[in-house]
């Protein structure tokens, strides 16, 4: 079960710092939220997810679970991201395209804006659950010189500055050091939202799971720094600062990745780094026969990422 534990640092209690330790067996669990429970909890909300290929499958694996798929294959995409919406009856998932609701929001602000209208335009926002994934390295505009494409910064994407009910962020293996720049950019993003009278109610940081071939101490220091960052955000929120999230959470994903033999043994990555099976190219592109990125036993259940999302949602939904 997820636990909400007081964390002490420097002799002080941080009453709103949370550590989520949750391990489930690799099968259906009665402790997991059902797809219906997740929808009932999150309808009328929008969730941002920011990170790299270690964070992107949180969205894809959750969608597979909501659709009743026992296995999940991650498609590699960076920009503009992945988007999912469900209204209790139907759902839509797109990669590298914007959700219809975001086009609709732009049309409301800019009537001259032209975009195809789809049936999802008429979905009731109060009954719609939305998720949006963004590649967190692109807080600034990103130039893919090989393709001659200039991608917009995260804050320039449709609807991002309208805010969200929850922001889930996590590892950037592409960034060295202790994530100083990542923290600075997150603070800048929170500040920009506050200037538009928007505030993230719930910020969730997913701890880094060390790569097997790199020193554990390096990742331990990153996680220590990010835990202090979460604690600082909570302290500032309690002091009345509006330019930080209302509540911030730390998810000990590293502990989830190595629960020990008393549970069901270590969670096995599908490849050297990722816990999900992954293939290049977004759906519906051709898969190819290259086995790289596939689990050696072709087991693509990806219990790890589903468990991380379940842990977060159980706390968010007070379950």
C-alpha atoms as a PDB file:
ATOM      1  CA  UNK A   1       0.000   0.000   0.000  1.00  0.00           C
ATOM      2  CA  UNK A   2       1.292   3.509  -0.638  1.00  0.00           C
ATOM      3  CA  UNK A   3       2.480   5.203   2.512  1.00  0.00           C
ATOM      4  CA  UNK A   4       2.563   8.889   3.344  1.00  0.00           C
ATOM      5  CA  UNK A   5       5.522   9.204   5.667  1.00  0.00           C
ATOM      6  CA  UNK A   6       6.958  12.170   7.509  1.00  0.00           C
ATOM      7  CA  UNK A   7      10.489  12.775   6.397  1.00  0.00           C
ATOM      8  CA  UNK A   8      13.014  14.413   8.702  1.00  0.00           C
ATOM      9  CA  UNK A   9      15.933  16.455   7.469  1.00  0.00           C
ATOM     10  CA  UNK A  10      18.142  18.689   9.545  1.00  0.00           C
ATOM     11  CA  UNK A  11      16.050  18.016  12.629  1.00  0.00           C
ATOM     12  CA  UNK A  12      12.871  19.377  11.060  1.00  0.00           C
ATOM     13  CA  UNK A  13       9.719  17.559  10.070  1.00  0.00           C
ATOM     14  CA  UNK A  14       8.472  18.002   6.523  1.00  0.00           C
ATOM     15  CA  UNK A  15       4.853  17.110   7.045  1.00  0.00           C
ATOM     16  CA  UNK A  16       3.903  17.338   3.390  1.00  0.00           C
ATOM     17  CA  UNK A  17       6.798  15.364   1.905  1.00  0.00           C
ATOM     18  CA  UNK A  18       5.547  11.991   0.760  1.00  0.00           C
ATOM     19  CA  UNK A  19       7.359   8.788  -0.080  1.00  0.00           C
ATOM     20  CA  UNK A  20       5.404   6.202  -2.011  1.00  0.00           C
ATOM     21  CA  UNK A  21       6.653   2.660  -1.505  1.00  0.00           C
ATOM     22  CA  UNK A  22       4.444   0.206  -3.294  1.00  0.00           C
ATOM     23  CA  UNK A  23       5.188  -3.178  -4.782  1.00  0.00           C
ATOM     24  CA  UNK A  24       2.643  -5.441  -6.406  1.00  0.00           C
ATOM     25  CA  UNK A  25       3.024  -8.949  -7.847  1.00  0.00           C
ATOM     26  CA  UNK A  26       3.197  -9.239 -11.646  1.00  0.00           C
ATOM     27  CA  UNK A  27      -0.480 -10.004 -12.033  1.00  0.00           C
ATOM     28  CA  UNK A  28      -3.860  -8.380 -11.443  1.00  0.00           C
ATOM     29  CA  UNK A  29      -4.007  -7.077  -7.898  1.00  0.00           C
ATOM     30  CA  UNK A  30      -7.117  -6.262  -5.855  1.00  0.00           C
ATOM     31  CA  UNK A  31      -5.210  -3.269  -4.472  1.00  0.00           C
ATOM     32  CA  UNK A  32      -4.876  -1.630  -7.865  1.00  0.00           C
ATOM     33  CA  UNK A  33      -7.403   0.966  -8.921  1.00  0.00           C
ATOM     34  CA  UNK A  34      -9.719  -0.317 -11.635  1.00  0.00           C
ATOM     35  CA  UNK A  35     -10.018   1.600 -14.935  1.00  0.00           C
ATOM     36  CA  UNK A  36     -13.465   2.788 -13.813  1.00  0.00           C
ATOM     37  CA  UNK A  37     -12.082   4.058 -10.491  1.00  0.00           C
ATOM     38  CA  UNK A  38      -9.288   5.920 -12.254  1.00  0.00           C
ATOM     39  CA  UNK A  39     -11.745   7.603 -14.607  1.00  0.00           C
ATOM     40  CA  UNK A  40     -14.123   8.553 -11.785  1.00  0.00           C
ATOM     41  CA  UNK A  41     -11.217  10.072  -9.867  1.00  0.00           C
ATOM     42  CA  UNK A  42      -9.635  11.994 -12.741  1.00  0.00           C
ATOM     43  CA  UNK A  43     -12.571  13.018 -14.927  1.00  0.00           C
ATOM     44  CA  UNK A  44     -12.612  16.744 -15.453  1.00  0.00           C
ATOM     45  CA  UNK A  45      -8.837  16.943 -14.870  1.00  0.00           C
ATOM     46  CA  UNK A  46      -5.707  17.299 -16.973  1.00  0.00           C
ATOM     47  CA  UNK A  47      -2.366  15.681 -16.110  1.00  0.00           C
ATOM     48  CA  UNK A  48       0.991  16.737 -17.533  1.00  0.00           C
ATOM     49  CA  UNK A  49       3.785  14.167 -17.734  1.00  0.00           C
ATOM     50  CA  UNK A  50       7.322  15.417 -18.443  1.00  0.00           C
ATOM     51  CA  UNK A  51      10.465  13.387 -18.838  1.00  0.00           C
ATOM     52  CA  UNK A  52      12.402  11.112 -21.142  1.00  0.00           C
ATOM     53  CA  UNK A  53      12.059   7.492 -22.255  1.00  0.00           C
ATOM     54  CA  UNK A  54      12.071   6.385 -18.602  1.00  0.00           C
ATOM     55  CA  UNK A  55       8.959   8.489 -17.938  1.00  0.00           C
ATOM     56  CA  UNK A  56       7.085   8.335 -21.260  1.00  0.00           C
ATOM     57  CA  UNK A  57       5.878   4.732 -20.668  1.00  0.00           C
ATOM     58  CA  UNK A  58       3.996   5.854 -17.561  1.00  0.00           C
ATOM     59  CA  UNK A  59       1.391   7.247 -19.934  1.00  0.00           C
ATOM     60  CA  UNK A  60       1.445   4.432 -22.483  1.00  0.00           C
ATOM     61  CA  UNK A  61       1.304   1.666 -19.881  1.00  0.00           C
ATOM     62  CA  UNK A  62      -1.581   3.369 -18.088  1.00  0.00           C
ATOM     63  CA  UNK A  63      -3.497   3.652 -21.359  1.00  0.00           C
ATOM     64  CA  UNK A  64      -2.935  -0.045 -22.053  1.00  0.00           C
ATOM     65  CA  UNK A  65      -4.290  -0.839 -18.584  1.00  0.00           C
ATOM     66  CA  UNK A  66      -7.328   1.398 -19.075  1.00  0.00           C
ATOM     67  CA  UNK A  67      -8.002  -0.417 -22.354  1.00  0.00           C
ATOM     68  CA  UNK A  68      -7.605  -3.855 -20.790  1.00  0.00           C
ATOM     69  CA  UNK A  69      -4.373  -4.723 -22.611  1.00  0.00           C
ATOM     70  CA  UNK A  70      -2.109  -7.018 -20.545  1.00  0.00           C
ATOM     71  CA  UNK A  71       1.003  -6.152 -22.567  1.00  0.00           C
ATOM     72  CA  UNK A  72       2.452  -2.837 -23.670  1.00  0.00           C
ATOM     73  CA  UNK A  73       4.861  -1.811 -26.427  1.00  0.00           C
ATOM     74  CA  UNK A  74       6.332   1.676 -26.145  1.00  0.00           C
ATOM     75  CA  UNK A  75       6.769   3.698 -29.346  1.00  0.00           C
ATOM     76  CA  UNK A  76       9.678   6.110 -29.303  1.00  0.00           C
ATOM     77  CA  UNK A  77       8.636   9.699 -29.891  1.00  0.00           C
ATOM     78  CA  UNK A  78       9.900  13.021 -28.591  1.00  0.00           C
ATOM     79  CA  UNK A  79       7.891  15.909 -30.007  1.00  0.00           C
ATOM     80  CA  UNK A  80       5.318  17.254 -29.768  1.00  0.00           C
ATOM     81  CA  UNK A  81       4.406  14.349 -27.505  1.00  0.00           C
ATOM     82  CA  UNK A  82       1.631  11.952 -26.646  1.00  0.00           C
ATOM     83  CA  UNK A  83      -1.936  12.844 -25.732  1.00  0.00           C
ATOM     84  CA  UNK A  84      -4.784  10.820 -24.265  1.00  0.00           C
ATOM     85  CA  UNK A  85      -8.391  11.669 -23.398  1.00  0.00           C
ATOM     86  CA  UNK A  86     -11.355   9.594 -22.186  1.00  0.00           C
ATOM     87  CA  UNK A  87     -14.950  10.580 -21.479  1.00  0.00           C
ATOM     88  CA  UNK A  88     -16.204   7.414 -19.802  1.00  0.00           C
ATOM     89  CA  UNK A  89     -17.519   5.929 -23.035  1.00  0.00           C
ATOM     90  CA  UNK A  90     -14.820   6.548 -25.631  1.00  0.00           C
ATOM     91  CA  UNK A  91     -11.153   7.437 -25.575  1.00  0.00           C
ATOM     92  CA  UNK A  92      -8.547   8.772 -27.999  1.00  0.00           C
ATOM     93  CA  UNK A  93      -4.762   8.455 -27.989  1.00  0.00           C
ATOM     94  CA  UNK A  94      -2.525  10.282 -30.436  1.00  0.00           C
ATOM     95  CA  UNK A  95       1.234  10.543 -30.767  1.00  0.00           C
ATOM     96  CA  UNK A  96       2.963  13.482 -32.450  1.00  0.00           C
ATOM     97  CA  UNK A  97      -0.405  15.220 -32.832  1.00  0.00           C
ATOM     98  CA  UNK A  98      -2.513  17.416 -30.578  1.00  0.00           C
ATOM     99  CA  UNK A  99      -5.740  16.300 -28.977  1.00  0.00           C
ATOM    100  CA  UNK A 100      -8.887  17.716 -30.586  1.00  0.00           C
ATOM    101  CA  UNK A 101      -9.710  19.499 -27.322  1.00  0.00           C
ATOM    102  CA  UNK A 102      -6.475  21.466 -27.593  1.00  0.00           C
ATOM    103  CA  UNK A 103      -7.278  22.540 -31.130  1.00  0.00           C
ATOM    104  CA  UNK A 104     -10.703  23.557 -29.853  1.00  0.00           C
ATOM    105  CA  UNK A 105      -9.152  25.662 -27.085  1.00  0.00           C
ATOM    106  CA  UNK A 106      -6.974  27.469 -29.615  1.00  0.00           C
ATOM    107  CA  UNK A 107      -9.986  28.154 -31.840  1.00  0.00           C
ATOM    108  CA  UNK A 108     -11.790  29.719 -28.886  1.00  0.00           C
ATOM    109  CA  UNK A 109      -8.924  32.175 -28.348  1.00  0.00           C
ATOM    110  CA  UNK A 110      -8.152  32.650 -32.024  1.00  0.00           C
ATOM    111  CA  UNK A 111     -11.298  32.263 -34.171  1.00  0.00           C
ATOM    112  CA  UNK A 112      -9.220  32.508 -37.338  1.00  0.00           C
ATOM    113  CA  UNK A 113      -7.276  29.398 -36.413  1.00  0.00           C
ATOM    114  CA  UNK A 114      -8.080  26.526 -38.749  1.00  0.00           C
ATOM    115  CA  UNK A 115      -7.970  22.884 -37.685  1.00  0.00           C
ATOM    116  CA  UNK A 116     -10.000  19.798 -38.514  1.00  0.00           C
ATOM    117  CA  UNK A 117     -13.037  19.334 -36.311  1.00  0.00           C
ATOM    118  CA  UNK A 118     -13.560  15.875 -34.848  1.00  0.00           C
ATOM    119  CA  UNK A 119     -16.269  14.201 -32.743  1.00  0.00           C
ATOM    120  CA  UNK A 120     -14.101  14.720 -29.647  1.00  0.00           C
ATOM    121  CA  UNK A 121     -14.658  18.480 -29.990  1.00  0.00           C
ATOM    122  CA  UNK A 122     -18.066  18.012 -28.388  1.00  0.00           C
ATOM    123  CA  UNK A 123     -16.866  16.088 -25.346  1.00  0.00           C
ATOM    124  CA  UNK A 124     -17.889  17.682 -22.058  1.00  0.00           C
ATOM    125  CA  UNK A 125     -14.668  18.936 -20.361  1.00  0.00           C
ATOM    126  CA  UNK A 126     -16.174  18.241 -16.934  1.00  0.00           C
ATOM    127  CA  UNK A 127     -16.436  14.544 -17.866  1.00  0.00           C
ATOM    128  CA  UNK A 128     -13.161  14.234 -19.766  1.00  0.00           C
ATOM    129  CA  UNK A 129      -9.893  12.895 -18.351  1.00  0.00           C
ATOM    130  CA  UNK A 130      -6.789  14.154 -20.177  1.00  0.00           C
ATOM    131  CA  UNK A 131      -3.094  13.240 -20.116  1.00  0.00           C
ATOM    132  CA  UNK A 132      -0.326  15.015 -22.006  1.00  0.00           C
ATOM    133  CA  UNK A 133       3.301  13.862 -22.305  1.00  0.00           C
ATOM    134  CA  UNK A 134       6.140  16.267 -23.148  1.00  0.00           C
ATOM    135  CA  UNK A 135       9.810  15.514 -23.679  1.00  0.00           C
ATOM    136  CA  UNK A 136      11.250  17.543 -20.785  1.00  0.00           C
ATOM    137  CA  UNK A 137      14.538  18.335 -22.485  1.00  0.00           C
ATOM    138  CA  UNK A 138      12.602  20.750 -24.698  1.00  0.00           C
ATOM    139  CA  UNK A 139      11.764  23.508 -22.247  1.00  0.00           C
ATOM    140  CA  UNK A 140      13.220  25.699 -25.010  1.00  0.00           C
ATOM    141  CA  UNK A 141      12.586  25.520 -28.729  1.00  0.00           C
ATOM    142  CA  UNK A 142      14.285  22.502 -30.221  1.00  0.00           C
ATOM    143  CA  UNK A 143      15.751  22.359 -33.702  1.00  0.00           C
ATOM    144  CA  UNK A 144      15.863  18.937 -35.347  1.00  0.00           C
ATOM    145  CA  UNK A 145      18.381  19.881 -37.984  1.00  0.00           C
ATOM    146  CA  UNK A 146      18.282  16.428 -39.590  1.00  0.00           C
ATOM    147  CA  UNK A 147      14.613  16.956 -40.422  1.00  0.00           C
ATOM    148  CA  UNK A 148      14.581  20.734 -40.823  1.00  0.00           C
ATOM    149  CA  UNK A 149      11.951  21.063 -38.062  1.00  0.00           C
ATOM    150  CA  UNK A 150      11.881  23.658 -35.289  1.00  0.00           C
ATOM    151  CA  UNK A 151       9.745  22.349 -32.438  1.00  0.00           C
ATOM    152  CA  UNK A 152       8.161  24.811 -30.017  1.00  0.00           C
ATOM    153  CA  UNK A 153       9.095  24.995 -26.351  1.00  0.00           C
ATOM    154  CA  UNK A 154       6.876  23.130 -23.893  1.00  0.00           C
ATOM    155  CA  UNK A 155       5.165  26.337 -22.784  1.00  0.00           C
ATOM    156  CA  UNK A 156       4.301  27.140 -26.413  1.00  0.00           C
ATOM    157  CA  UNK A 157       2.323  23.951 -26.958  1.00  0.00           C
ATOM    158  CA  UNK A 158      -1.448  24.199 -27.169  1.00  0.00           C
ATOM    159  CA  UNK A 159      -3.058  24.442 -23.745  1.00  0.00           C
ATOM    160  CA  UNK A 160       0.067  24.003 -21.605  1.00  0.00           C
ATOM    161  CA  UNK A 161      -0.209  27.436 -19.995  1.00  0.00           C
ATOM    162  CA  UNK A 162      -3.817  26.664 -19.105  1.00  0.00           C
ATOM    163  CA  UNK A 163      -2.313  24.523 -16.346  1.00  0.00           C
ATOM    164  CA  UNK A 164      -3.135  21.066 -15.056  1.00  0.00           C
ATOM    165  CA  UNK A 165      -4.369  19.309 -11.941  1.00  0.00           C
ATOM    166  CA  UNK A 166      -1.196  17.262 -11.686  1.00  0.00           C
ATOM    167  CA  UNK A 167       2.328  17.350 -13.102  1.00  0.00           C
ATOM    168  CA  UNK A 168       4.345  14.135 -13.065  1.00  0.00           C
ATOM    169  CA  UNK A 169       8.026  14.593 -13.928  1.00  0.00           C
ATOM    170  CA  UNK A 170      11.100  12.459 -13.708  1.00  0.00           C
ATOM    171  CA  UNK A 171      14.472  11.259 -14.967  1.00  0.00           C
ATOM    172  CA  UNK A 172      16.434  12.892 -17.732  1.00  0.00           C
ATOM    173  CA  UNK A 173      19.294  10.522 -18.500  1.00  0.00           C
ATOM    174  CA  UNK A 174      20.237  12.984 -21.239  1.00  0.00           C
ATOM    175  CA  UNK A 175      21.183  15.600 -18.629  1.00  0.00           C
ATOM    176  CA  UNK A 176      24.333  15.263 -16.577  1.00  0.00           C
ATOM    177  CA  UNK A 177      25.036  16.429 -13.058  1.00  0.00           C
ATOM    178  CA  UNK A 178      22.459  16.542 -10.303  1.00  0.00           C
ATOM    179  CA  UNK A 179      19.566  17.970 -12.335  1.00  0.00           C
ATOM    180  CA  UNK A 180      20.283  21.573 -11.316  1.00  0.00           C
ATOM    181  CA  UNK A 181      19.047  22.785 -14.694  1.00  0.00           C
ATOM    182  CA  UNK A 182      15.969  20.554 -14.541  1.00  0.00           C
ATOM    183  CA  UNK A 183      15.010  22.035 -11.166  1.00  0.00           C
ATOM    184  CA  UNK A 184      15.592  25.571 -12.418  1.00  0.00           C
ATOM    185  CA  UNK A 185      13.400  24.984 -15.462  1.00  0.00           C
ATOM    186  CA  UNK A 186      10.622  23.477 -13.380  1.00  0.00           C
ATOM    187  CA  UNK A 187      10.691  26.513 -11.066  1.00  0.00           C
ATOM    188  CA  UNK A 188      10.574  28.777 -14.106  1.00  0.00           C
ATOM    189  CA  UNK A 189       7.604  26.837 -15.486  1.00  0.00           C
ATOM    190  CA  UNK A 190       5.745  27.112 -12.163  1.00  0.00           C
ATOM    191  CA  UNK A 191       6.454  30.867 -12.139  1.00  0.00           C
ATOM    192  CA  UNK A 192       5.151  31.368 -15.677  1.00  0.00           C
ATOM    193  CA  UNK A 193       1.942  29.567 -14.720  1.00  0.00           C
ATOM    194  CA  UNK A 194       1.546  31.727 -11.610  1.00  0.00           C
ATOM    195  CA  UNK A 195       1.833  34.860 -13.756  1.00  0.00           C
ATOM    196  CA  UNK A 196      -1.286  33.599 -15.541  1.00  0.00           C
ATOM    197  CA  UNK A 197      -3.029  32.930 -12.209  1.00  0.00           C
ATOM    198  CA  UNK A 198      -2.490  29.193 -12.645  1.00  0.00           C
ATOM    199  CA  UNK A 199      -1.020  26.815 -10.087  1.00  0.00           C
ATOM    200  CA  UNK A 200      -0.227  23.114 -10.214  1.00  0.00           C
ATOM    201  CA  UNK A 201      -2.138  21.538  -7.286  1.00  0.00           C
ATOM    202  CA  UNK A 202      -0.041  18.342  -7.257  1.00  0.00           C
ATOM    203  CA  UNK A 203       3.557  17.933  -8.418  1.00  0.00           C
ATOM    204  CA  UNK A 204       4.972  14.388  -8.448  1.00  0.00           C
ATOM    205  CA  UNK A 205       8.663  13.640  -8.893  1.00  0.00           C
ATOM    206  CA  UNK A 206       9.642  10.108  -9.954  1.00  0.00           C
ATOM    207  CA  UNK A 207      13.044   9.189  -8.526  1.00  0.00           C
ATOM    208  CA  UNK A 208      15.785   8.055 -10.873  1.00  0.00           C
ATOM    209  CA  UNK A 209      16.437   4.334 -11.238  1.00  0.00           C
ATOM    210  CA  UNK A 210      20.200   3.853 -11.743  1.00  0.00           C
ATOM    211  CA  UNK A 211      21.481   2.446 -15.000  1.00  0.00           C
ATOM    212  CA  UNK A 212      23.146  -0.920 -14.390  1.00  0.00           C
ATOM    213  CA  UNK A 213      26.395   0.195 -16.039  1.00  0.00           C
ATOM    214  CA  UNK A 214      26.826   3.471 -14.128  1.00  0.00           C
ATOM    215  CA  UNK A 215      27.797   4.255 -10.522  1.00  0.00           C
ATOM    216  CA  UNK A 216      24.926   3.996  -8.068  1.00  0.00           C
ATOM    217  CA  UNK A 217      26.340   6.864  -5.994  1.00  0.00           C
ATOM    218  CA  UNK A 218      25.746   9.320  -8.836  1.00  0.00           C
ATOM    219  CA  UNK A 219      22.060   8.481  -8.940  1.00  0.00           C
ATOM    220  CA  UNK A 220      21.793   8.402  -5.170  1.00  0.00           C
ATOM    221  CA  UNK A 221      22.993  12.014  -5.082  1.00  0.00           C
ATOM    222  CA  UNK A 222      20.523  13.014  -7.810  1.00  0.00           C
ATOM    223  CA  UNK A 223      17.682  11.467  -5.845  1.00  0.00           C
ATOM    224  CA  UNK A 224      18.846  13.108  -2.620  1.00  0.00           C
ATOM    225  CA  UNK A 225      18.908  16.512  -4.320  1.00  0.00           C
ATOM    226  CA  UNK A 226      15.466  15.974  -5.834  1.00  0.00           C
ATOM    227  CA  UNK A 227      14.059  14.877  -2.482  1.00  0.00           C
ATOM    228  CA  UNK A 228      15.346  18.111  -0.955  1.00  0.00           C
ATOM    229  CA  UNK A 229      13.785  19.993  -3.883  1.00  0.00           C
ATOM    230  CA  UNK A 230      10.396  18.412  -3.154  1.00  0.00           C
ATOM    231  CA  UNK A 231      10.749  19.283   0.517  1.00  0.00           C
ATOM    232  CA  UNK A 232      11.656  22.873  -0.330  1.00  0.00           C
ATOM    233  CA  UNK A 233       8.643  23.214  -2.605  1.00  0.00           C
ATOM    234  CA  UNK A 234       6.387  22.030   0.212  1.00  0.00           C
ATOM    235  CA  UNK A 235       7.995  24.394   2.698  1.00  0.00           C
ATOM    236  CA  UNK A 236       7.480  27.343   0.345  1.00  0.00           C
ATOM    237  CA  UNK A 237       3.885  26.300  -0.299  1.00  0.00           C
ATOM    238  CA  UNK A 238       3.194  26.133   3.443  1.00  0.00           C
ATOM    239  CA  UNK A 239       4.695  29.629   3.729  1.00  0.00           C
ATOM    240  CA  UNK A 240       2.113  30.933   1.258  1.00  0.00           C
ATOM    241  CA  UNK A 241       4.229  31.131  -1.904  1.00  0.00           C
ATOM    242  CA  UNK A 242       1.853  30.817  -4.866  1.00  0.00           C
ATOM    243  CA  UNK A 243       4.493  30.233  -7.548  1.00  0.00           C
ATOM    244  CA  UNK A 244       5.099  26.640  -6.454  1.00  0.00           C
ATOM    245  CA  UNK A 245       2.760  23.632  -6.502  1.00  0.00           C
ATOM    246  CA  UNK A 246       0.300  23.320  -3.655  1.00  0.00           C
ATOM    247  CA  UNK A 247       1.607  19.840  -2.760  1.00  0.00           C
ATOM    248  CA  UNK A 248       4.725  18.035  -3.966  1.00  0.00           C
ATOM    249  CA  UNK A 249       5.441  14.318  -3.772  1.00  0.00           C
ATOM    250  CA  UNK A 250       8.560  12.165  -4.059  1.00  0.00           C
ATOM    251  CA  UNK A 251       8.105   8.678  -5.512  1.00  0.00           C
ATOM    252  CA  UNK A 252      10.901   6.272  -4.622  1.00  0.00           C
ATOM    253  CA  UNK A 253      10.894   4.442  -7.938  1.00  0.00           C
ATOM    254  CA  UNK A 254      14.380   3.099  -7.287  1.00  0.00           C
ATOM    255  CA  UNK A 255      13.070   1.177  -4.295  1.00  0.00           C
ATOM    256  CA  UNK A 256      10.149  -0.090  -6.387  1.00  0.00           C
ATOM    257  CA  UNK A 257      12.605  -1.360  -8.991  1.00  0.00           C
ATOM    258  CA  UNK A 258      14.412  -3.584  -6.495  1.00  0.00           C
ATOM    259  CA  UNK A 259      11.865  -4.750  -3.926  1.00  0.00           C
ATOM    260  CA  UNK A 260      13.821  -7.776  -2.795  1.00  0.00           C
ATOM    261  CA  UNK A 261      13.143 -11.523  -2.661  1.00  0.00           C
ATOM    262  CA  UNK A 262      10.562 -11.207   0.108  1.00  0.00           C
ATOM    263  CA  UNK A 263       8.088  -9.851  -2.445  1.00  0.00           C
ATOM    264  CA  UNK A 264       8.644 -11.393  -5.855  1.00  0.00           C
ATOM    265  CA  UNK A 265      12.246 -10.594  -6.697  1.00  0.00           C
ATOM    266  CA  UNK A 266      13.778  -7.681  -8.576  1.00  0.00           C
ATOM    267  CA  UNK A 267      11.847  -6.133 -11.419  1.00  0.00           C
ATOM    268  CA  UNK A 268      13.700  -7.031 -14.601  1.00  0.00           C
ATOM    269  CA  UNK A 269      14.304  -4.346 -17.235  1.00  0.00           C
ATOM    270  CA  UNK A 270      13.349  -5.206 -20.793  1.00  0.00           C
ATOM    271  CA  UNK A 271      16.697  -3.895 -22.014  1.00  0.00           C
ATOM    272  CA  UNK A 272      19.734  -2.269 -20.404  1.00  0.00           C
ATOM    273  CA  UNK A 273      17.790   0.724 -19.112  1.00  0.00           C
ATOM    274  CA  UNK A 274      14.050   0.490 -19.753  1.00  0.00           C
ATOM    275  CA  UNK A 275      11.436  -1.603 -17.987  1.00  0.00           C
ATOM    276  CA  UNK A 276       9.073  -1.418 -20.968  1.00  0.00           C
ATOM    277  CA  UNK A 277       9.438  -3.129 -24.326  1.00  0.00           C
ATOM    278  CA  UNK A 278      10.113  -0.397 -26.867  1.00  0.00           C
ATOM    279  CA  UNK A 279      10.316   0.009 -30.616  1.00  0.00           C
ATOM    280  CA  UNK A 280      11.256   2.928 -32.794  1.00  0.00           C
ATOM    281  CA  UNK A 281       8.527   4.904 -34.496  1.00  0.00           C
ATOM    282  CA  UNK A 282       5.058   5.915 -33.349  1.00  0.00           C
ATOM    283  CA  UNK A 283       1.975   3.879 -34.125  1.00  0.00           C
ATOM    284  CA  UNK A 284       0.905   2.968 -36.807  1.00  0.00           C
ATOM    285  CA  UNK A 285       4.398   2.845 -38.276  1.00  0.00           C
ATOM    286  CA  UNK A 286       5.982  -0.438 -39.267  1.00  0.00           C
ATOM    287  CA  UNK A 287       7.531  -2.342 -36.359  1.00  0.00           C
ATOM    288  CA  UNK A 288      10.321  -4.148 -38.136  1.00  0.00           C
ATOM    289  CA  UNK A 289      12.048  -7.311 -36.922  1.00  0.00           C
ATOM    290  CA  UNK A 290      14.889  -5.777 -34.900  1.00  0.00           C
ATOM    291  CA  UNK A 291      14.711  -7.416 -31.438  1.00  0.00           C
ATOM    292  CA  UNK A 292      16.460  -4.475 -29.752  1.00  0.00           C
ATOM    293  CA  UNK A 293      14.281  -2.996 -27.035  1.00  0.00           C
ATOM    294  CA  UNK A 294      12.257  -6.179 -26.536  1.00  0.00           C
ATOM    295  CA  UNK A 295      12.376  -8.222 -23.334  1.00  0.00           C
ATOM    296  CA  UNK A 296      14.445 -11.399 -23.803  1.00  0.00           C
ATOM    297  CA  UNK A 297      11.444 -13.545 -22.873  1.00  0.00           C
ATOM    298  CA  UNK A 298       9.024 -11.316 -24.864  1.00  0.00           C
ATOM    299  CA  UNK A 299       7.217 -10.497 -21.616  1.00  0.00           C
ATOM    300  CA  UNK A 300       5.967  -6.947 -22.138  1.00  0.00           C
ATOM    301  CA  UNK A 301       3.674  -6.655 -19.110  1.00  0.00           C
ATOM    302  CA  UNK A 302       5.813  -3.772 -17.778  1.00  0.00           C
ATOM    303  CA  UNK A 303       4.590  -4.196 -14.209  1.00  0.00           C
ATOM    304  CA  UNK A 304       7.098  -1.601 -12.998  1.00  0.00           C
ATOM    305  CA  UNK A 305       5.661   1.437 -14.809  1.00  0.00           C
ATOM    306  CA  UNK A 306       2.078   0.365 -14.158  1.00  0.00           C
ATOM    307  CA  UNK A 307       2.888  -0.008 -10.476  1.00  0.00           C
ATOM    308  CA  UNK A 308       4.460   3.453 -10.337  1.00  0.00           C
ATOM    309  CA  UNK A 309       1.352   5.025 -11.881  1.00  0.00           C
ATOM    310  CA  UNK A 310      -0.970   3.033  -9.636  1.00  0.00           C
ATOM    311  CA  UNK A 311       1.004   4.198  -6.592  1.00  0.00           C
ATOM    312  CA  UNK A 312       0.710   7.823  -7.616  1.00  0.00           C
ATOM    313  CA  UNK A 313      -2.983   7.612  -8.486  1.00  0.00           C
ATOM    314  CA  UNK A 314      -3.893   5.826  -5.266  1.00  0.00           C
ATOM    315  CA  UNK A 315      -2.458   8.732  -3.287  1.00  0.00           C
ATOM    316  CA  UNK A 316      -4.023  11.348  -5.584  1.00  0.00           C
ATOM    317  CA  UNK A 317      -7.392   9.600  -5.366  1.00  0.00           C
ATOM    318  CA  UNK A 318      -7.130   9.024  -1.592  1.00  0.00           C
ATOM    319  CA  UNK A 319      -7.466   5.259  -1.973  1.00  0.00           C
END
